[in-house]
């Protein structure tokens, strides 16, 4: 039997976020319970806050935007995201 290549598998991590739109600045704060509070300057109109959320996380965590998916809470302050690594 041949060995399996680990590059065939992707690891997925889930994070719980509380997003606060219309803030004075973009800011990511890690909470004691391992969740994150994210302050965004964008308004929650036409998906702009979600787009800014993904862009901010990608920049701060040094990953590509396509690796981030909002799996719960598209229209809510409380979101669950999934990161493909």
Protein backbone atom coordinates (compact mmCIF):
# COMPACT_ATOMS: atom_id res chain seq x y z
CA UNK A 1 0.00 0.00 0.00
CA UNK A 2 1.11 3.53 -0.78
CA UNK A 3 1.32 6.33 1.72
CA UNK A 4 -1.37 8.99 1.79
CA UNK A 5 -0.29 12.52 1.09
CA UNK A 6 -1.38 15.01 3.73
CA UNK A 7 -1.67 17.69 1.07
CA UNK A 8 -4.89 16.00 -0.09
CA UNK A 9 -6.63 16.96 3.13
CA UNK A 10 -7.61 20.39 4.33
CA UNK A 11 -8.09 21.31 7.93
CA UNK A 12 -11.14 23.40 8.77
CA UNK A 13 -11.37 25.56 11.86
CA UNK A 14 -14.52 27.25 13.12
CA UNK A 15 -14.64 30.53 15.01
CA UNK A 16 -17.49 32.32 16.76
CA UNK A 17 -17.65 36.06 16.12
CA UNK A 18 -19.65 38.99 17.39
CA UNK A 19 -19.58 41.68 14.71
CA UNK A 20 -20.22 45.34 15.49
CA UNK A 21 -20.75 47.33 12.28
CA UNK A 22 -20.57 51.13 11.90
CA UNK A 23 -17.64 51.38 14.33
CA UNK A 24 -15.10 54.19 14.28
CA UNK A 25 -12.32 51.77 13.28
CA UNK A 26 -11.72 48.17 12.24
CA UNK A 27 -10.57 46.11 15.20
CA UNK A 28 -10.31 42.41 16.14
CA UNK A 29 -10.43 41.51 19.84
CA UNK A 30 -10.03 37.95 21.16
CA UNK A 31 -12.28 37.16 24.12
CA UNK A 32 -11.53 34.90 27.09
CA UNK A 33 -13.90 32.23 25.76
CA UNK A 34 -11.85 31.96 22.51
CA UNK A 35 -14.47 33.88 20.50
CA UNK A 36 -13.76 37.18 18.77
CA UNK A 37 -15.38 40.60 18.77
CA UNK A 38 -14.90 42.34 15.44
CA UNK A 39 -15.54 46.06 15.01
CA UNK A 40 -16.09 47.15 11.41
CA UNK A 41 -16.42 50.59 9.88
CA UNK A 42 -18.77 49.27 7.16
CA UNK A 43 -22.53 49.43 7.51
CA UNK A 44 -24.52 46.19 7.37
CA UNK A 45 -26.06 47.10 4.00
CA UNK A 46 -25.94 44.93 0.87
CA UNK A 47 -23.36 42.60 2.43
CA UNK A 48 -20.71 45.33 2.78
CA UNK A 49 -19.97 44.50 6.43
CA UNK A 50 -19.54 40.79 5.57
CA UNK A 51 -17.16 41.68 2.73
CA UNK A 52 -15.15 43.93 5.02
CA UNK A 53 -15.13 41.23 7.71
CA UNK A 54 -13.63 38.67 5.33
CA UNK A 55 -11.07 41.17 4.01
CA UNK A 56 -10.03 42.21 7.53
CA UNK A 57 -9.66 38.64 8.78
CA UNK A 58 -7.70 37.61 5.69
CA UNK A 59 -5.30 40.53 6.14
CA UNK A 60 -4.85 40.15 9.91
CA UNK A 61 -4.54 36.35 9.89
CA UNK A 62 -2.41 36.30 6.71
CA UNK A 63 -4.69 33.99 4.72
CA UNK A 64 -6.54 34.28 1.40
CA UNK A 65 -10.11 35.63 1.35
CA UNK A 66 -11.37 32.49 -0.41
CA UNK A 67 -10.29 30.43 2.63
CA UNK A 68 -12.91 32.16 4.82
CA UNK A 69 -16.61 31.20 4.74
CA UNK A 70 -19.45 32.56 6.83
CA UNK A 71 -21.37 29.39 7.63
CA UNK A 72 -23.91 30.91 10.02
CA UNK A 73 -25.20 34.41 10.66
CA UNK A 74 -25.04 36.07 7.24
CA UNK A 75 -27.61 38.63 8.44
CA UNK A 76 -26.76 38.63 12.14
CA UNK A 77 -24.25 40.19 14.54
CA UNK A 78 -23.37 36.69 15.75
CA UNK A 79 -21.53 34.69 13.11
CA UNK A 80 -19.73 31.41 12.77
CA UNK A 81 -16.94 31.36 10.21
CA UNK A 82 -14.94 28.47 8.86
CA UNK A 83 -11.30 28.72 7.78
CA UNK A 84 -9.78 26.25 5.31
CA UNK A 85 -6.09 25.79 6.06
